[in-house]
PDB file of N, CA and C in Angstrom:
ATOM      1  N   MET A   1      38.351  82.644 -26.602  1.00  0.00           N
ATOM      2  CA  MET A   1      37.753  81.322 -26.566  1.00  0.00           C
ATOM      3  C   MET A   1      36.264  81.428 -26.907  1.00  0.00           C
ATOM      4  N   ILE A   2      35.812  80.608 -27.814  1.00  0.00           N
ATOM      5  CA  ILE A   2      34.407  80.592 -28.217  1.00  0.00           C
ATOM      6  C   ILE A   2      33.698  79.494 -27.433  1.00  0.00           C
ATOM      7  N   CYS A   3      32.593  79.865 -26.807  1.00  0.00           N
ATOM      8  CA  CYS A   3      31.812  78.895 -26.029  1.00  0.00           C
ATOM      9  C   CYS A   3      30.586  78.461 -26.818  1.00  0.00           C
ATOM     10  N   TYR A   4      30.183  77.244 -26.599  1.00  0.00           N
ATOM     11  CA  TYR A   4      28.985  76.703 -27.227  1.00  0.00           C
ATOM     12  C   TYR A   4      27.772  77.270 -26.495  1.00  0.00           C
ATOM     13  N   PRO A   5      26.753  77.761 -27.196  1.00  0.00           N
ATOM     14  CA  PRO A   5      25.582  78.363 -26.541  1.00  0.00           C
ATOM     15  C   PRO A   5      24.889  77.385 -25.582  1.00  0.00           C
ATOM     16  N   HIS A   6      24.671  77.838 -24.368  1.00  0.00           N
ATOM     17  CA  HIS A   6      24.067  76.979 -23.347  1.00  0.00           C
ATOM     18  C   HIS A   6      22.668  76.499 -23.733  1.00  0.00           C
ATOM     19  N   ASP A   7      21.876  77.360 -24.347  1.00  0.00           N
ATOM     20  CA  ASP A   7      20.525  76.955 -24.750  1.00  0.00           C
ATOM     21  C   ASP A   7      20.578  75.791 -25.736  1.00  0.00           C
ATOM     22  N   ARG A   8      21.494  75.868 -26.679  1.00  0.00           N
ATOM     23  CA  ARG A   8      21.632  74.800 -27.676  1.00  0.00           C
ATOM     24  C   ARG A   8      22.106  73.507 -27.015  1.00  0.00           C
ATOM     25  N   LEU A   9      23.056  73.624 -26.091  1.00  0.00           N
ATOM     26  CA  LEU A   9      23.554  72.461 -25.368  1.00  0.00           C
ATOM     27  C   LEU A   9      22.421  71.784 -24.602  1.00  0.00           C
ATOM     28  N   HIS A  10      21.585  72.573 -23.945  1.00  0.00           N
ATOM     29  CA  HIS A  10      20.449  72.010 -23.206  1.00  0.00           C
ATOM     30  C   HIS A  10      19.460  71.327 -24.149  1.00  0.00           C
ATOM     31  N   GLU A  11      19.222  71.907 -25.317  1.00  0.00           N
ATOM     32  CA  GLU A  11      18.328  71.283 -26.295  1.00  0.00           C
ATOM     33  C   GLU A  11      18.871  69.931 -26.743  1.00  0.00           C
ATOM     34  N   GLU A  12      20.152  69.883 -27.032  1.00  0.00           N
ATOM     35  CA  GLU A  12      20.766  68.633 -27.481  1.00  0.00           C
ATOM     36  C   GLU A  12      20.666  67.555 -26.409  1.00  0.00           C
ATOM     37  N   ILE A  13      20.990  67.921 -25.175  1.00  0.00           N
ATOM     38  CA  ILE A  13      20.958  66.961 -24.078  1.00  0.00           C
ATOM     39  C   ILE A  13      19.529  66.493 -23.811  1.00  0.00           C
ATOM     40  N   ALA A  14      18.580  67.422 -23.848  1.00  0.00           N
ATOM     41  CA  ALA A  14      17.175  67.048 -23.633  1.00  0.00           C
ATOM     42  C   ALA A  14      16.688  66.114 -24.738  1.00  0.00           C
ATOM     43  N   PHE A  15      17.029  66.415 -25.981  1.00  0.00           N
ATOM     44  CA  PHE A  15      16.610  65.601 -27.118  1.00  0.00           C
ATOM     45  C   PHE A  15      17.154  64.178 -27.008  1.00  0.00           C
ATOM     46  N   LEU A  16      18.460  64.053 -26.809  1.00  0.00           N
ATOM     47  CA  LEU A  16      19.065  62.724 -26.735  1.00  0.00           C
ATOM     48  C   LEU A  16      18.652  61.985 -25.469  1.00  0.00           C
ATOM     49  N   GLY A  17      18.519  62.698 -24.372  1.00  0.00           N
ATOM     50  CA  GLY A  17      18.062  62.066 -23.137  1.00  0.00           C
ATOM     51  C   GLY A  17      16.655  61.516 -23.290  1.00  0.00           C
ATOM     52  N   TYR A  18      15.807  62.269 -23.971  1.00  0.00           N
ATOM     53  CA  TYR A  18      14.419  61.849 -24.182  1.00  0.00           C
ATOM     54  C   TYR A  18      14.339  60.596 -25.056  1.00  0.00           C
ATOM     55  N   TYR A  19      15.041  60.632 -26.182  1.00  0.00           N
ATOM     56  CA  TYR A  19      14.934  59.532 -27.139  1.00  0.00           C
ATOM     57  C   TYR A  19      15.811  58.329 -26.796  1.00  0.00           C
ATOM     58  N   LEU A  20      16.989  58.561 -26.230  1.00  0.00           N
ATOM     59  CA  LEU A  20      17.927  57.462 -26.004  1.00  0.00           C
ATOM     60  C   LEU A  20      18.060  57.071 -24.535  1.00  0.00           C
ATOM     61  N   HIS A  21      17.504  57.893 -23.654  1.00  0.00           N
ATOM     62  CA  HIS A  21      17.530  57.612 -22.208  1.00  0.00           C
ATOM     63  C   HIS A  21      18.945  57.499 -21.662  1.00  0.00           C
ATOM     64  N   TRP A  22      19.842  58.289 -22.223  1.00  0.00           N
ATOM     65  CA  TRP A  22      21.211  58.316 -21.729  1.00  0.00           C
ATOM     66  C   TRP A  22      21.304  59.324 -20.596  1.00  0.00           C
ATOM     67  N   SER A  23      22.254  59.131 -19.706  1.00  0.00           N
ATOM     68  CA  SER A  23      22.394  60.015 -18.552  1.00  0.00           C
ATOM     69  C   SER A  23      22.921  61.391 -18.963  1.00  0.00           C
ATOM     70  N   TYR A  24      22.617  62.354 -18.129  1.00  0.00           N
ATOM     71  CA  TYR A  24      23.094  63.727 -18.328  1.00  0.00           C
ATOM     72  C   TYR A  24      24.626  63.739 -18.401  1.00  0.00           C
ATOM     73  N   GLU A  25      25.256  63.023 -17.508  1.00  0.00           N
ATOM     74  CA  GLU A  25      26.711  62.990 -17.460  1.00  0.00           C
ATOM     75  C   GLU A  25      27.302  62.409 -18.747  1.00  0.00           C
ATOM     76  N   SER A  26      26.701  61.350 -19.253  1.00  0.00           N
ATOM     77  CA  SER A  26      27.180  60.737 -20.500  1.00  0.00           C
ATOM     78  C   SER A  26      27.053  61.702 -21.670  1.00  0.00           C
ATOM     79  N   LEU A  27      25.927  62.361 -21.750  1.00  0.00           N
ATOM     80  CA  LEU A  27      25.682  63.287 -22.857  1.00  0.00           C
ATOM     81  C   LEU A  27      26.580  64.515 -22.766  1.00  0.00           C
ATOM     82  N   LEU A  28      26.768  65.016 -21.568  1.00  0.00           N
ATOM     83  CA  LEU A  28      27.593  66.203 -21.376  1.00  0.00           C
ATOM     84  C   LEU A  28      29.065  65.919 -21.651  1.00  0.00           C
ATOM     85  N   SER A  29      29.488  64.695 -21.427  1.00  0.00           N
ATOM     86  CA  SER A  29      30.899  64.350 -21.639  1.00  0.00           C
ATOM     87  C   SER A  29      31.246  64.156 -23.112  1.00  0.00           C
ATOM     88  N   MET A  30      30.235  64.060 -23.967  1.00  0.00           N
ATOM     89  CA  MET A  30      30.492  63.886 -25.406  1.00  0.00           C
ATOM     90  C   MET A  30      31.024  65.172 -26.018  1.00  0.00           C
ATOM     91  N   GLU A  31      31.846  65.006 -27.039  1.00  0.00           N
ATOM     92  CA  GLU A  31      32.273  66.139 -27.856  1.00  0.00           C
ATOM     93  C   GLU A  31      31.058  66.645 -28.640  1.00  0.00           C
ATOM     94  N   HIS A  32      31.065  67.918 -28.960  1.00  0.00           N
ATOM     95  CA  HIS A  32      29.944  68.523 -29.695  1.00  0.00           C
ATOM     96  C   HIS A  32      29.646  67.759 -30.985  1.00  0.00           C
ATOM     97  N   HIS A  33      30.668  67.461 -31.772  1.00  0.00           N
ATOM     98  CA  HIS A  33      30.441  66.789 -33.064  1.00  0.00           C
ATOM     99  C   HIS A  33      29.848  65.397 -32.871  1.00  0.00           C
ATOM    100  N   GLU A  34      30.199  64.730 -31.778  1.00  0.00           N
ATOM    101  CA  GLU A  34      29.636  63.407 -31.520  1.00  0.00           C
ATOM    102  C   GLU A  34      28.148  63.513 -31.164  1.00  0.00           C
ATOM    103  N   ARG A  35      27.799  64.490 -30.320  1.00  0.00           N
ATOM    104  CA  ARG A  35      26.381  64.717 -29.989  1.00  0.00           C
ATOM    105  C   ARG A  35      25.591  65.049 -31.239  1.00  0.00           C
ATOM    106  N   GLN A  36      26.164  65.877 -32.102  1.00  0.00           N
ATOM    107  CA  GLN A  36      25.486  66.250 -33.343  1.00  0.00           C
ATOM    108  C   GLN A  36      25.229  65.036 -34.223  1.00  0.00           C
ATOM    109  N   LYS A  37      26.186  64.123 -34.281  1.00  0.00           N
ATOM    110  CA  LYS A  37      26.015  62.905 -35.092  1.00  0.00           C
ATOM    111  C   LYS A  37      24.883  62.046 -34.530  1.00  0.00           C
ATOM    112  N   TRP A  38      24.826  61.895 -33.193  1.00  0.00           N
ATOM    113  CA  TRP A  38      23.750  61.125 -32.571  1.00  0.00           C
ATOM    114  C   TRP A  38      22.395  61.800 -32.791  1.00  0.00           C
ATOM    115  N   ILE A  39      22.356  63.110 -32.731  1.00  0.00           N
ATOM    116  CA  ILE A  39      21.104  63.840 -32.994  1.00  0.00           C
ATOM    117  C   ILE A  39      20.663  63.605 -34.431  1.00  0.00           C
ATOM    118  N   GLU A  40      21.599  63.677 -35.359  1.00  0.00           N
ATOM    119  CA  GLU A  40      21.290  63.453 -36.781  1.00  0.00           C
ATOM    120  C   GLU A  40      20.714  62.055 -37.005  1.00  0.00           C
ATOM    121  N   LYS A  41      21.359  61.049 -36.440  1.00  0.00           N
ATOM    122  CA  LYS A  41      20.900  59.664 -36.620  1.00  0.00           C
ATOM    123  C   LYS A  41      19.551  59.423 -35.944  1.00  0.00           C
ATOM    124  N   THR A  42      19.404  59.928 -34.725  1.00  0.00           N
ATOM    125  CA  THR A  42      18.148  59.767 -33.985  1.00  0.00           C
ATOM    126  C   THR A  42      17.015  60.496 -34.704  1.00  0.00           C
ATOM    127  N   SER A  43      17.298  61.676 -35.221  1.00  0.00           N
ATOM    128  CA  SER A  43      16.294  62.441 -35.963  1.00  0.00           C
ATOM    129  C   SER A  43      15.845  61.703 -37.216  1.00  0.00           C
ATOM    130  N   ALA A  44      16.791  61.103 -37.928  1.00  0.00           N
ATOM    131  CA  ALA A  44      16.455  60.368 -39.153  1.00  0.00           C
ATOM    132  C   ALA A  44      15.530  59.193 -38.838  1.00  0.00           C
ATOM    133  N   ILE A  45      15.829  58.471 -37.769  1.00  0.00           N
ATOM    134  CA  ILE A  45      14.965  57.357 -37.363  1.00  0.00           C
ATOM    135  C   ILE A  45      13.589  57.873 -36.979  1.00  0.00           C
ATOM    136  N   ASN A  46      13.553  58.940 -36.195  1.00  0.00           N
ATOM    137  CA  ASN A  46      12.288  59.523 -35.749  1.00  0.00           C
ATOM    138  C   ASN A  46      11.448  60.008 -36.930  1.00  0.00           C
ATOM    139  N   GLN A  47      12.095  60.614 -37.907  1.00  0.00           N
ATOM    140  CA  GLN A  47      11.369  61.094 -39.080  1.00  0.00           C
ATOM    141  C   GLN A  47      10.788  59.945 -39.893  1.00  0.00           C
ATOM    142  N   LYS A  48      11.513  58.846 -40.012  1.00  0.00           N
ATOM    143  CA  LYS A  48      10.991  57.677 -40.733  1.00  0.00           C
ATOM    144  C   LYS A  48       9.777  57.100 -40.019  1.00  0.00           C
ATOM    145  N   VAL A  49       9.853  57.046 -38.696  1.00  0.00           N
ATOM    146  CA  VAL A  49       8.740  56.520 -37.901  1.00  0.00           C
ATOM    147  C   VAL A  49       7.506  57.405 -38.065  1.00  0.00           C
ATOM    148  N   ASN A  50       7.730  58.697 -38.117  1.00  0.00           N
ATOM    149  CA  ASN A  50       6.623  59.658 -38.187  1.00  0.00           C
ATOM    150  C   ASN A  50       6.307  60.116 -39.604  1.00  0.00           C
ATOM    151  N   GLU A  51       6.786  59.393 -40.599  1.00  0.00           N
ATOM    152  CA  GLU A  51       6.547  59.774 -41.992  1.00  0.00           C
ATOM    153  C   GLU A  51       5.060  59.995 -42.243  1.00  0.00           C
ATOM    154  N   GLY A  52       4.785  61.038 -42.948  1.00  0.00           N
ATOM    155  CA  GLY A  52       3.394  61.332 -43.255  1.00  0.00           C
ATOM    156  C   GLY A  52       2.806  62.391 -42.343  1.00  0.00           C
ATOM    157  N   SER A  53       3.351  62.554 -41.160  1.00  0.00           N
ATOM    158  CA  SER A  53       2.847  63.616 -40.291  1.00  0.00           C
ATOM    159  C   SER A  53       3.607  64.891 -40.617  1.00  0.00           C
ATOM    160  N   THR A  54       2.891  65.999 -40.699  1.00  0.00           N
ATOM    161  CA  THR A  54       3.480  67.270 -41.093  1.00  0.00           C
ATOM    162  C   THR A  54       3.486  68.229 -39.907  1.00  0.00           C
ATOM    163  N   PRO A  55       4.673  68.710 -39.487  1.00  0.00           N
ATOM    164  CA  PRO A  55       4.710  69.689 -38.400  1.00  0.00           C
ATOM    165  C   PRO A  55       4.149  71.029 -38.858  1.00  0.00           C
ATOM    166  N   ALA A  56       3.681  71.800 -37.918  1.00  0.00           N
ATOM    167  CA  ALA A  56       3.167  73.139 -38.224  1.00  0.00           C
ATOM    168  C   ALA A  56       4.288  73.958 -38.853  1.00  0.00           C
ATOM    169  N   PRO A  57       4.004  74.767 -39.882  1.00  0.00           N
ATOM    170  CA  PRO A  57       5.037  75.522 -40.596  1.00  0.00           C
ATOM    171  C   PRO A  57       5.844  76.458 -39.704  1.00  0.00           C
ATOM    172  N   ALA A  58       5.242  77.004 -38.656  1.00  0.00           N
ATOM    173  CA  ALA A  58       5.935  77.961 -37.798  1.00  0.00           C
ATOM    174  C   ALA A  58       6.864  77.268 -36.816  1.00  0.00           C
ATOM    175  N   GLU A  59       6.757  75.954 -36.680  1.00  0.00           N
ATOM    176  CA  GLU A  59       7.578  75.234 -35.706  1.00  0.00           C
ATOM    177  C   GLU A  59       9.030  75.177 -36.148  1.00  0.00           C
ATOM    178  N   LYS A  60       9.913  75.440 -35.209  1.00  0.00           N
ATOM    179  CA  LYS A  60      11.332  75.220 -35.434  1.00  0.00           C
ATOM    180  C   LYS A  60      11.755  74.191 -34.404  1.00  0.00           C
ATOM    181  N   SER A  61      12.276  73.102 -34.862  1.00  0.00           N
ATOM    182  CA  SER A  61      12.588  71.985 -34.002  1.00  0.00           C
ATOM    183  C   SER A  61      14.065  71.657 -34.041  1.00  0.00           C
ATOM    184  N   ILE A  62      14.549  71.009 -32.993  1.00  0.00           N
ATOM    185  CA  ILE A  62      15.930  70.537 -32.979  1.00  0.00           C
ATOM    186  C   ILE A  62      16.143  69.477 -34.062  1.00  0.00           C
ATOM    187  N   LEU A  63      15.048  68.914 -34.570  1.00  0.00           N
ATOM    188  CA  LEU A  63      15.148  67.931 -35.646  1.00  0.00           C
ATOM    189  C   LEU A  63      15.635  68.578 -36.933  1.00  0.00           C
ATOM    190  N   SER A  64      15.529  69.910 -37.022  1.00  0.00           N
ATOM    191  CA  SER A  64      15.958  70.643 -38.210  1.00  0.00           C
ATOM    192  C   SER A  64      17.384  71.124 -37.979  1.00  0.00           C
ATOM    193  N   ILE A  65      18.342  70.258 -38.200  1.00  0.00           N
ATOM    194  CA  ILE A  65      19.740  70.603 -37.961  1.00  0.00           C
ATOM    195  C   ILE A  65      20.319  71.206 -39.221  1.00  0.00           C
ATOM    196  N   THR A  66      20.983  72.350 -39.046  1.00  0.00           N
ATOM    197  CA  THR A  66      21.649  72.998 -40.170  1.00  0.00           C
ATOM    198  C   THR A  66      23.080  73.302 -39.834  1.00  0.00           C
TER     199      THR A  66
END
């Protein structure tokens, strides 16, 4: 059985909780692919709002989903 990395799960929950103010229980109950879709959509909105600001090159953010 392959488990999802706990650090990544915490990053996803923190990101969505911060931006969408959803409860821990709601976020944890989502399927991984559903959380990823919400992160993608929330990130796109956030990037449009912050257009023109450039993050430091060394920064790796959850906004950079691959």
